[in-house]
Amino acid sequence: MCRWIAYSGTPVALSRVLFQPQHSLIDQSLHSRLGVETTNGDGFGVGWYTPDTASPATLREIGPAWNDRNLRDVAHHVRSNLFFAHIRASTGTAVQQTNCHPFRSGRWLWMHNGAINGYRELRRDLALAVDPALYPEIEGSTDSEVMFFLALTFGLAEDPPGAVARMAGLVESTGQAHGVPHPLQMTVAVTDGERVWAFRYSTEGRSRSLYYSTKVSALRALHPDAALLRDISDETRLVVSEPLGDLSGAWNEVPEGSYGVVQPGEHILREFQPVPPTVAAPG
């Protein structure tokens, strides 16, 4: 499986989140505590937004994150108020740049930890459900990218939770039609550069780990001497595959079968359920 981080809030250097914490994403690439694999070395990616560009920039490479000089250099020189970072452990598809997360389409970024079980059998049917106008944008061979383009097909731009629910419903119904038990395992983050949606769901009800950070004002009250909390706004939030450190009260588990929205003002946490397709699944 994989590990990922979504950051939204005060503009900071990427290195502050990716390298500096006690159990940073770079540390997790070698020493994951909660992942299926301890080592996540099958590539990495970072996607970030800046005020003067409409679409996000990305850096994706096939080597391990822990010794990539380009990542370290970029992370120390780029500041952003919203960025994604992902370290990959392949579930069977090739280790190649086009299979590294996050995936991008227009202003959208998408990253995933998990798998579509039986993907070799389901891949053709799922790919055929992608909007023909979007299909040429698919570059790699992963289930994660097909999930992204299915969500785009099902209206991600207008209704992200609904689009992801319809994508999940199609995966499950297609899996059931092919006799695949527990077709879907996912923690997903998706953003349009303004809001972040994060989902935790699996068909079997035993989803991969996912956490969100406690509100900064509450953390300051708990830890008034913590230097890392002094120059970030109360709006700053992280969603992570596993906690970045052991600061008490800092991390909250995303409930099973739910999704959250990180946005200016009130953040949202709601139940998530797949929506079955209105027509019979292929197969």
C-alpha atoms as a PDB file:
ATOM      1  CA  MET A   1       0.000   0.000   0.000  1.00  0.00           C
ATOM      2  CA  CYS A   2       1.112   3.641   0.338  1.00  0.00           C
ATOM      3  CA  ARG A   3       1.357   6.615   2.699  1.00  0.00           C
ATOM      4  CA  TRP A   4       0.228  10.175   2.005  1.00  0.00           C
ATOM      5  CA  ILE A   5      -0.177  13.691   3.415  1.00  0.00           C
ATOM      6  CA  ALA A   6      -2.576  16.498   2.491  1.00  0.00           C
ATOM      7  CA  TYR A   7      -1.729  19.965   3.867  1.00  0.00           C
ATOM      8  CA  SER A   8      -3.961  23.050   3.806  1.00  0.00           C
ATOM      9  CA  GLY A   9      -3.355  26.325   5.644  1.00  0.00           C
ATOM     10  CA  THR A  10      -0.635  28.916   6.142  1.00  0.00           C
ATOM     11  CA  PRO A  11       1.901  28.866   3.280  1.00  0.00           C
ATOM     12  CA  VAL A  12       4.972  26.926   4.419  1.00  0.00           C
ATOM     13  CA  ALA A  13       8.006  25.368   2.822  1.00  0.00           C
ATOM     14  CA  LEU A  14       7.191  21.814   1.795  1.00  0.00           C
ATOM     15  CA  SER A  15      10.236  20.596   3.732  1.00  0.00           C
ATOM     16  CA  ARG A  16       8.648  21.703   7.012  1.00  0.00           C
ATOM     17  CA  VAL A  17       5.995  19.014   6.624  1.00  0.00           C
ATOM     18  CA  LEU A  18       7.804  16.414   4.523  1.00  0.00           C
ATOM     19  CA  PHE A  19      11.184  16.294   6.319  1.00  0.00           C
ATOM     20  CA  GLN A  20      11.097  17.988   9.720  1.00  0.00           C
ATOM     21  CA  PRO A  21       8.490  16.120  11.821  1.00  0.00           C
ATOM     22  CA  GLN A  22       9.630  13.276  14.076  1.00  0.00           C
ATOM     23  CA  HIS A  23       7.769  10.701  11.967  1.00  0.00           C
ATOM     24  CA  SER A  24       7.741  12.605   8.682  1.00  0.00           C
ATOM     25  CA  LEU A  25       6.545  11.181   5.389  1.00  0.00           C
ATOM     26  CA  ILE A  26      10.195  10.645   4.453  1.00  0.00           C
ATOM     27  CA  ASP A  27      10.700   8.645   7.644  1.00  0.00           C
ATOM     28  CA  GLN A  28       7.543   6.684   6.840  1.00  0.00           C
ATOM     29  CA  SER A  29       8.980   5.744   3.453  1.00  0.00           C
ATOM     30  CA  LEU A  30      11.477   3.615   5.396  1.00  0.00           C
ATOM     31  CA  HIS A  31       9.711   2.975   8.707  1.00  0.00           C
ATOM     32  CA  SER A  32       5.936   3.016   8.334  1.00  0.00           C
ATOM     33  CA  ARG A  33       4.266   2.061  11.611  1.00  0.00           C
ATOM     34  CA  LEU A  34       0.684   1.537  10.444  1.00  0.00           C
ATOM     35  CA  GLY A  35       0.992   0.590   6.795  1.00  0.00           C
ATOM     36  CA  VAL A  36       0.689  -2.868   5.295  1.00  0.00           C
ATOM     37  CA  GLU A  37       4.340  -2.524   4.206  1.00  0.00           C
ATOM     38  CA  THR A  38       7.055  -1.052   6.409  1.00  0.00           C
ATOM     39  CA  THR A  39       8.926   0.305   3.385  1.00  0.00           C
ATOM     40  CA  ASN A  40       7.298   2.469   0.704  1.00  0.00           C
ATOM     41  CA  GLY A  41      10.007   2.825  -1.937  1.00  0.00           C
ATOM     42  CA  ASP A  42       8.235   2.354  -5.291  1.00  0.00           C
ATOM     43  CA  GLY A  43       8.202   6.026  -6.176  1.00  0.00           C
ATOM     44  CA  PHE A  44       6.852   9.265  -4.750  1.00  0.00           C
ATOM     45  CA  GLY A  45       5.098  12.421  -5.803  1.00  0.00           C
ATOM     46  CA  VAL A  46       4.311  15.937  -4.650  1.00  0.00           C
ATOM     47  CA  GLY A  47       1.672  18.289  -6.031  1.00  0.00           C
ATOM     48  CA  TRP A  48       1.300  21.913  -4.939  1.00  0.00           C
ATOM     49  CA  TYR A  49      -0.558  25.132  -5.692  1.00  0.00           C
ATOM     50  CA  THR A  50       0.749  28.689  -5.910  1.00  0.00           C
ATOM     51  CA  PRO A  51      -1.272  31.936  -6.066  1.00  0.00           C
ATOM     52  CA  ASP A  52      -0.228  32.843  -9.618  1.00  0.00           C
ATOM     53  CA  THR A  53      -1.130  29.567 -11.374  1.00  0.00           C
ATOM     54  CA  ALA A  54      -4.496  28.028 -12.179  1.00  0.00           C
ATOM     55  CA  SER A  55      -3.333  24.405 -12.096  1.00  0.00           C
ATOM     56  CA  PRO A  56      -1.020  22.628  -9.637  1.00  0.00           C
ATOM     57  CA  ALA A  57       2.606  21.729 -10.233  1.00  0.00           C
ATOM     58  CA  THR A  58       3.745  18.146  -9.716  1.00  0.00           C
ATOM     59  CA  LEU A  59       7.019  16.320  -9.149  1.00  0.00           C
ATOM     60  CA  ARG A  60       6.832  12.527  -9.539  1.00  0.00           C
ATOM     61  CA  GLU A  61       9.730  10.082  -9.584  1.00  0.00           C
ATOM     62  CA  ILE A  62      10.141   6.301  -9.466  1.00  0.00           C
ATOM     63  CA  GLY A  63      12.968   6.183  -6.910  1.00  0.00           C
ATOM     64  CA  PRO A  64      12.500   6.104  -3.126  1.00  0.00           C
ATOM     65  CA  ALA A  65      11.751   9.413  -1.434  1.00  0.00           C
ATOM     66  CA  TRP A  66      14.370   9.002   1.281  1.00  0.00           C
ATOM     67  CA  ASN A  67      17.378   9.668  -0.977  1.00  0.00           C
ATOM     68  CA  ASP A  68      16.027  11.866  -3.784  1.00  0.00           C
ATOM     69  CA  ARG A  69      18.075  15.073  -4.038  1.00  0.00           C
ATOM     70  CA  ASN A  70      15.559  16.786  -6.320  1.00  0.00           C
ATOM     71  CA  LEU A  71      12.748  16.285  -3.813  1.00  0.00           C
ATOM     72  CA  ARG A  72      14.847  17.672  -0.988  1.00  0.00           C
ATOM     73  CA  ASP A  73      15.877  20.699  -3.062  1.00  0.00           C
ATOM     74  CA  VAL A  74      12.342  21.460  -4.251  1.00  0.00           C
ATOM     75  CA  ALA A  75      10.902  20.963  -0.776  1.00  0.00           C
ATOM     76  CA  HIS A  76      13.267  23.537   0.737  1.00  0.00           C
ATOM     77  CA  HIS A  77      12.574  26.150  -1.947  1.00  0.00           C
ATOM     78  CA  VAL A  78       8.834  25.840  -2.624  1.00  0.00           C
ATOM     79  CA  ARG A  79       6.195  27.353  -0.348  1.00  0.00           C
ATOM     80  CA  SER A  80       2.525  26.535  -0.684  1.00  0.00           C
ATOM     81  CA  ASN A  81      -0.723  26.848   1.221  1.00  0.00           C
ATOM     82  CA  LEU A  82      -2.051  23.553  -0.187  1.00  0.00           C
ATOM     83  CA  PHE A  83      -0.070  20.513  -1.226  1.00  0.00           C
ATOM     84  CA  PHE A  84      -0.249  16.738  -1.501  1.00  0.00           C
ATOM     85  CA  ALA A  85       2.606  14.278  -1.003  1.00  0.00           C
ATOM     86  CA  HIS A  86       2.568  10.531  -1.568  1.00  0.00           C
ATOM     87  CA  ILE A  87       4.991   7.625  -1.204  1.00  0.00           C
ATOM     88  CA  ARG A  88       4.158   4.470  -3.124  1.00  0.00           C
ATOM     89  CA  ALA A  89       4.252   0.769  -2.411  1.00  0.00           C
ATOM     90  CA  SER A  90       3.006  -0.921  -5.570  1.00  0.00           C
ATOM     91  CA  THR A  91       0.145  -3.409  -5.344  1.00  0.00           C
ATOM     92  CA  GLY A  92       1.203  -5.070  -8.583  1.00  0.00           C
ATOM     93  CA  THR A  93       1.337  -2.452 -11.319  1.00  0.00           C
ATOM     94  CA  ALA A  94       4.638  -1.272 -12.758  1.00  0.00           C
ATOM     95  CA  VAL A  95       7.043   1.039 -10.983  1.00  0.00           C
ATOM     96  CA  GLN A  96       7.011   3.902 -13.481  1.00  0.00           C
ATOM     97  CA  GLN A  97       6.610   7.659 -13.324  1.00  0.00           C
ATOM     98  CA  THR A  98       3.082   7.668 -14.758  1.00  0.00           C
ATOM     99  CA  ASN A  99       1.957   5.394 -11.909  1.00  0.00           C
ATOM    100  CA  CYS A 100       3.188   7.742  -9.168  1.00  0.00           C
ATOM    101  CA  HIS A 101       0.680   9.879  -7.286  1.00  0.00           C
ATOM    102  CA  PRO A 102      -0.717  12.483  -7.100  1.00  0.00           C
ATOM    103  CA  PHE A 103      -2.589  12.378 -10.396  1.00  0.00           C
ATOM    104  CA  ARG A 104      -3.578  15.660 -12.028  1.00  0.00           C
ATOM    105  CA  SER A 105      -6.352  16.794 -14.362  1.00  0.00           C
ATOM    106  CA  GLY A 106      -6.882  20.507 -14.831  1.00  0.00           C
ATOM    107  CA  ARG A 107      -7.019  22.087 -11.381  1.00  0.00           C
ATOM    108  CA  TRP A 108      -7.614  18.742  -9.618  1.00  0.00           C
ATOM    109  CA  LEU A 109      -5.173  16.526  -7.702  1.00  0.00           C
ATOM    110  CA  TRP A 110      -5.933  12.973  -6.521  1.00  0.00           C
ATOM    111  CA  MET A 111      -4.014  10.430  -4.439  1.00  0.00           C
ATOM    112  CA  HIS A 112      -4.953   7.053  -3.031  1.00  0.00           C
ATOM    113  CA  ASN A 113      -3.849   4.382  -0.594  1.00  0.00           C
ATOM    114  CA  GLY A 114      -5.452   0.984  -1.054  1.00  0.00           C
ATOM    115  CA  ALA A 115      -6.407  -1.191  -3.984  1.00  0.00           C
ATOM    116  CA  ILE A 116      -9.146  -2.486  -6.219  1.00  0.00           C
ATOM    117  CA  ASN A 117      -9.006  -6.205  -5.518  1.00  0.00           C
ATOM    118  CA  GLY A 118      -9.084  -8.307  -8.666  1.00  0.00           C
ATOM    119  CA  TYR A 119      -8.100  -5.276 -10.719  1.00  0.00           C
ATOM    120  CA  ARG A 120      -6.707  -7.392 -13.571  1.00  0.00           C
ATOM    121  CA  GLU A 121     -10.174  -8.844 -14.089  1.00  0.00           C
ATOM    122  CA  LEU A 122     -12.077  -5.582 -13.534  1.00  0.00           C
ATOM    123  CA  ARG A 123      -9.769  -3.161 -15.327  1.00  0.00           C
ATOM    124  CA  ARG A 124     -11.336  -3.323 -18.797  1.00  0.00           C
ATOM    125  CA  ASP A 125     -14.907  -2.865 -17.568  1.00  0.00           C
ATOM    126  CA  LEU A 126     -13.951   0.036 -15.308  1.00  0.00           C
ATOM    127  CA  ALA A 127     -11.875   1.763 -17.982  1.00  0.00           C
ATOM    128  CA  LEU A 128     -14.779   1.542 -20.448  1.00  0.00           C
ATOM    129  CA  ALA A 129     -16.931   3.484 -17.981  1.00  0.00           C
ATOM    130  CA  VAL A 130     -14.588   6.506 -18.167  1.00  0.00           C
ATOM    131  CA  ASP A 131     -15.905   9.412 -20.241  1.00  0.00           C
ATOM    132  CA  PRO A 132     -14.368   9.041 -23.738  1.00  0.00           C
ATOM    133  CA  ALA A 133     -13.378  12.721 -23.643  1.00  0.00           C
ATOM    134  CA  LEU A 134     -11.330  12.069 -20.479  1.00  0.00           C
ATOM    135  CA  TYR A 135      -9.897   8.684 -21.371  1.00  0.00           C
ATOM    136  CA  PRO A 136      -6.899  10.035 -23.384  1.00  0.00           C
ATOM    137  CA  GLU A 137      -5.632  11.744 -20.203  1.00  0.00           C
ATOM    138  CA  ILE A 138      -4.991   8.387 -18.486  1.00  0.00           C
ATOM    139  CA  GLU A 139      -1.229   7.842 -18.679  1.00  0.00           C
ATOM    140  CA  GLY A 140      -0.453   4.956 -16.353  1.00  0.00           C
ATOM    141  CA  SER A 141      -1.736   1.506 -15.471  1.00  0.00           C
ATOM    142  CA  THR A 142      -2.852   1.830 -11.838  1.00  0.00           C
ATOM    143  CA  ASP A 143      -6.271   1.263 -10.334  1.00  0.00           C
ATOM    144  CA  SER A 144      -5.825   4.588  -8.495  1.00  0.00           C
ATOM    145  CA  GLU A 145      -5.715   6.614 -11.709  1.00  0.00           C
ATOM    146  CA  VAL A 146      -8.769   4.845 -13.134  1.00  0.00           C
ATOM    147  CA  MET A 147     -10.618   5.628  -9.884  1.00  0.00           C
ATOM    148  CA  PHE A 148      -9.733   9.305 -10.372  1.00  0.00           C
ATOM    149  CA  PHE A 149     -11.025   9.429 -13.927  1.00  0.00           C
ATOM    150  CA  LEU A 150     -14.181   7.571 -12.970  1.00  0.00           C
ATOM    151  CA  ALA A 151     -14.791  10.217 -10.290  1.00  0.00           C
ATOM    152  CA  LEU A 152     -14.225  12.936 -12.904  1.00  0.00           C
ATOM    153  CA  THR A 153     -16.671  11.130 -15.190  1.00  0.00           C
ATOM    154  CA  PHE A 154     -19.279  11.003 -12.421  1.00  0.00           C
ATOM    155  CA  GLY A 155     -19.183  14.745 -11.712  1.00  0.00           C
ATOM    156  CA  LEU A 156     -16.199  15.438  -9.452  1.00  0.00           C
ATOM    157  CA  ALA A 157     -16.161  19.104 -10.453  1.00  0.00           C
ATOM    158  CA  GLU A 158     -19.765  19.646  -9.331  1.00  0.00           C
ATOM    159  CA  ASP A 159     -20.151  17.219  -6.414  1.00  0.00           C
ATOM    160  CA  PRO A 160     -16.942  15.592  -5.120  1.00  0.00           C
ATOM    161  CA  PRO A 161     -18.554  13.402  -2.401  1.00  0.00           C
ATOM    162  CA  GLY A 162     -21.267  12.234  -4.791  1.00  0.00           C
ATOM    163  CA  ALA A 163     -18.780  11.532  -7.581  1.00  0.00           C
ATOM    164  CA  VAL A 164     -16.529   9.470  -5.304  1.00  0.00           C
ATOM    165  CA  ALA A 165     -19.576   7.603  -3.979  1.00  0.00           C
ATOM    166  CA  ARG A 166     -20.657   6.745  -7.526  1.00  0.00           C
ATOM    167  CA  MET A 167     -17.125   5.658  -8.411  1.00  0.00           C
ATOM    168  CA  ALA A 168     -16.996   3.401  -5.346  1.00  0.00           C
ATOM    169  CA  GLY A 169     -20.426   2.000  -6.161  1.00  0.00           C
ATOM    170  CA  LEU A 170     -19.347   1.111  -9.684  1.00  0.00           C
ATOM    171  CA  VAL A 171     -16.171  -0.594  -8.455  1.00  0.00           C
ATOM    172  CA  GLU A 172     -18.133  -2.659  -5.973  1.00  0.00           C
ATOM    173  CA  SER A 173     -20.889  -3.677  -8.385  1.00  0.00           C
ATOM    174  CA  THR A 174     -18.334  -4.560 -11.070  1.00  0.00           C
ATOM    175  CA  GLY A 175     -16.377  -6.608  -8.555  1.00  0.00           C
ATOM    176  CA  GLN A 176     -19.498  -8.432  -7.447  1.00  0.00           C
ATOM    177  CA  ALA A 177     -20.400  -9.193 -11.068  1.00  0.00           C
ATOM    178  CA  HIS A 178     -16.977 -10.838 -11.460  1.00  0.00           C
ATOM    179  CA  GLY A 179     -17.169 -12.732  -8.174  1.00  0.00           C
ATOM    180  CA  VAL A 180     -14.496 -10.639  -6.442  1.00  0.00           C
ATOM    181  CA  PRO A 181     -14.942 -10.489  -2.647  1.00  0.00           C
ATOM    182  CA  HIS A 182     -14.340  -7.108  -0.994  1.00  0.00           C
ATOM    183  CA  PRO A 183     -13.533  -5.240  -4.243  1.00  0.00           C
ATOM    184  CA  LEU A 184     -12.556  -1.855  -2.797  1.00  0.00           C
ATOM    185  CA  GLN A 185     -10.025  -0.635  -0.227  1.00  0.00           C
ATOM    186  CA  MET A 186      -9.375   3.107  -0.193  1.00  0.00           C
ATOM    187  CA  THR A 187      -8.251   6.188   1.589  1.00  0.00           C
ATOM    188  CA  VAL A 188      -8.449   8.976  -0.979  1.00  0.00           C
ATOM    189  CA  ALA A 189      -7.596  12.674  -0.967  1.00  0.00           C
ATOM    190  CA  VAL A 190      -8.762  14.999  -3.723  1.00  0.00           C
ATOM    191  CA  THR A 191      -8.544  18.783  -4.061  1.00  0.00           C
ATOM    192  CA  ASP A 192      -9.430  21.595  -6.427  1.00  0.00           C
ATOM    193  CA  GLY A 193      -6.822  23.897  -4.879  1.00  0.00           C
ATOM    194  CA  GLU A 194      -9.299  25.482  -2.471  1.00  0.00           C
ATOM    195  CA  ARG A 195     -10.825  22.598  -0.530  1.00  0.00           C
ATOM    196  CA  VAL A 196      -9.595  19.095   0.330  1.00  0.00           C
ATOM    197  CA  TRP A 197     -11.889  16.072   0.491  1.00  0.00           C
ATOM    198  CA  ALA A 198     -10.598  12.941   2.247  1.00  0.00           C
ATOM    199  CA  PHE A 199     -12.357   9.562   2.225  1.00  0.00           C
ATOM    200  CA  ARG A 200     -11.888   6.398   4.276  1.00  0.00           C
ATOM    201  CA  TYR A 201     -13.820   3.352   3.098  1.00  0.00           C
ATOM    202  CA  SER A 202     -13.494  -0.341   2.283  1.00  0.00           C
ATOM    203  CA  THR A 203     -15.994  -2.972   1.222  1.00  0.00           C
ATOM    204  CA  GLU A 204     -15.017  -5.205   4.149  1.00  0.00           C
ATOM    205  CA  GLY A 205     -15.226  -2.367   6.696  1.00  0.00           C
ATOM    206  CA  ARG A 206     -11.554  -2.618   7.681  1.00  0.00           C
ATOM    207  CA  SER A 207     -10.044   0.391   5.968  1.00  0.00           C
ATOM    208  CA  ARG A 208      -6.429   1.556   5.945  1.00  0.00           C
ATOM    209  CA  SER A 209      -5.466   4.106   8.601  1.00  0.00           C
ATOM    210  CA  LEU A 210      -6.285   7.806   8.197  1.00  0.00           C
ATOM    211  CA  TYR A 211      -5.974  10.747  10.614  1.00  0.00           C
ATOM    212  CA  TYR A 212      -6.667  14.475  10.699  1.00  0.00           C
ATOM    213  CA  SER A 213      -4.962  17.088  12.843  1.00  0.00           C
ATOM    214  CA  THR A 214      -6.621  18.810  15.778  1.00  0.00           C
ATOM    215  CA  LYS A 215      -7.551  22.479  15.409  1.00  0.00           C
ATOM    216  CA  VAL A 216      -4.452  24.638  15.938  1.00  0.00           C
ATOM    217  CA  SER A 217      -6.045  26.834  18.628  1.00  0.00           C
ATOM    218  CA  ALA A 218      -6.827  23.747  20.719  1.00  0.00           C
ATOM    219  CA  LEU A 219      -3.288  22.443  20.269  1.00  0.00           C
ATOM    220  CA  ARG A 220      -1.812  25.780  21.365  1.00  0.00           C
ATOM    221  CA  ALA A 221      -3.838  25.554  24.572  1.00  0.00           C
ATOM    222  CA  LEU A 222      -2.476  22.058  25.170  1.00  0.00           C
ATOM    223  CA  HIS A 223       1.103  22.862  24.161  1.00  0.00           C
ATOM    224  CA  PRO A 224       1.771  26.617  24.604  1.00  0.00           C
ATOM    225  CA  ASP A 225       5.535  26.147  24.171  1.00  0.00           C
ATOM    226  CA  ALA A 226       5.390  24.220  20.896  1.00  0.00           C
ATOM    227  CA  ALA A 227       7.348  26.327  18.410  1.00  0.00           C
ATOM    228  CA  LEU A 228       5.838  24.655  15.361  1.00  0.00           C
ATOM    229  CA  LEU A 229       2.384  26.039  16.282  1.00  0.00           C
ATOM    230  CA  ARG A 230       3.345  29.697  16.610  1.00  0.00           C
ATOM    231  CA  ASP A 231       3.277  30.925  13.024  1.00  0.00           C
ATOM    232  CA  ILE A 232       0.465  28.919  11.447  1.00  0.00           C
ATOM    233  CA  SER A 233      -3.185  29.944  11.299  1.00  0.00           C
ATOM    234  CA  ASP A 234      -6.098  28.295  13.043  1.00  0.00           C
ATOM    235  CA  GLU A 235      -7.284  27.190   9.587  1.00  0.00           C
ATOM    236  CA  THR A 236      -4.234  24.969   9.068  1.00  0.00           C
ATOM    237  CA  ARG A 237      -5.044  21.267   8.880  1.00  0.00           C
ATOM    238  CA  LEU A 238      -3.328  18.055   7.816  1.00  0.00           C
ATOM    239  CA  VAL A 239      -4.847  14.751   6.771  1.00  0.00           C
ATOM    240  CA  VAL A 240      -2.339  11.896   6.946  1.00  0.00           C
ATOM    241  CA  SER A 241      -2.101   8.137   6.554  1.00  0.00           C
ATOM    242  CA  GLU A 242      -0.383   7.990   9.922  1.00  0.00           C
ATOM    243  CA  PRO A 243       0.555  10.595  12.555  1.00  0.00           C
ATOM    244  CA  LEU A 244       3.698  12.653  11.989  1.00  0.00           C
ATOM    245  CA  GLY A 245       4.716  12.574  15.647  1.00  0.00           C
ATOM    246  CA  ASP A 246       3.671  11.792  19.195  1.00  0.00           C
ATOM    247  CA  LEU A 247       2.398  15.231  20.318  1.00  0.00           C
ATOM    248  CA  SER A 248      -0.508  14.399  22.624  1.00  0.00           C
ATOM    249  CA  GLY A 249      -3.927  15.404  21.337  1.00  0.00           C
ATOM    250  CA  ALA A 250      -2.628  16.266  17.889  1.00  0.00           C
ATOM    251  CA  TRP A 251      -4.190  13.484  15.821  1.00  0.00           C
ATOM    252  CA  ASN A 252      -7.704  12.115  15.417  1.00  0.00           C
ATOM    253  CA  GLU A 253      -8.661   8.962  13.548  1.00  0.00           C
ATOM    254  CA  VAL A 254     -11.015   9.450  10.628  1.00  0.00           C
ATOM    255  CA  PRO A 255     -13.975   7.156  11.383  1.00  0.00           C
ATOM    256  CA  GLU A 256     -14.544   4.068   9.280  1.00  0.00           C
ATOM    257  CA  GLY A 257     -16.838   4.764   6.310  1.00  0.00           C
ATOM    258  CA  SER A 258     -16.639   8.559   6.405  1.00  0.00           C
ATOM    259  CA  TYR A 259     -15.278  11.578   4.576  1.00  0.00           C
ATOM    260  CA  GLY A 260     -14.100  15.006   5.645  1.00  0.00           C
ATOM    261  CA  VAL A 261     -13.836  18.397   3.974  1.00  0.00           C
ATOM    262  CA  VAL A 262     -11.028  20.811   4.859  1.00  0.00           C
ATOM    263  CA  GLN A 263     -12.106  24.294   3.782  1.00  0.00           C
ATOM    264  CA  PRO A 264     -12.111  27.925   4.912  1.00  0.00           C
ATOM    265  CA  GLY A 265     -14.452  28.287   7.856  1.00  0.00           C
ATOM    266  CA  GLU A 266     -16.128  25.169   9.208  1.00  0.00           C
ATOM    267  CA  HIS A 267     -14.581  21.785   8.462  1.00  0.00           C
ATOM    268  CA  ILE A 268     -16.952  18.891   7.797  1.00  0.00           C
ATOM    269  CA  LEU A 269     -16.961  15.202   8.769  1.00  0.00           C
ATOM    270  CA  ARG A 270     -19.761  13.002   7.396  1.00  0.00           C
ATOM    271  CA  GLU A 271     -20.717   9.401   6.739  1.00  0.00           C
ATOM    272  CA  PHE A 272     -19.681   7.918   3.391  1.00  0.00           C
ATOM    273  CA  GLN A 273     -21.579   5.248   1.493  1.00  0.00           C
ATOM    274  CA  PRO A 274     -21.055   4.086  -2.108  1.00  0.00           C
ATOM    275  CA  VAL A 275     -23.880   4.774  -4.541  1.00  0.00           C
ATOM    276  CA  PRO A 276     -24.729   1.801  -6.800  1.00  0.00           C
ATOM    277  CA  PRO A 277     -24.807   2.595 -10.531  1.00  0.00           C
ATOM    278  CA  THR A 278     -28.184   3.179 -12.121  1.00  0.00           C
ATOM    279  CA  VAL A 279     -27.438   0.625 -14.831  1.00  0.00           C
ATOM    280  CA  ALA A 280     -26.108  -2.896 -14.498  1.00  0.00           C
ATOM    281  CA  ALA A 281     -22.349  -3.169 -14.103  1.00  0.00           C
ATOM    282  CA  PRO A 282     -20.375  -4.643 -17.000  1.00  0.00           C
ATOM    283  CA  GLY A 283     -19.416  -8.284 -16.769  1.00  0.00           C
END
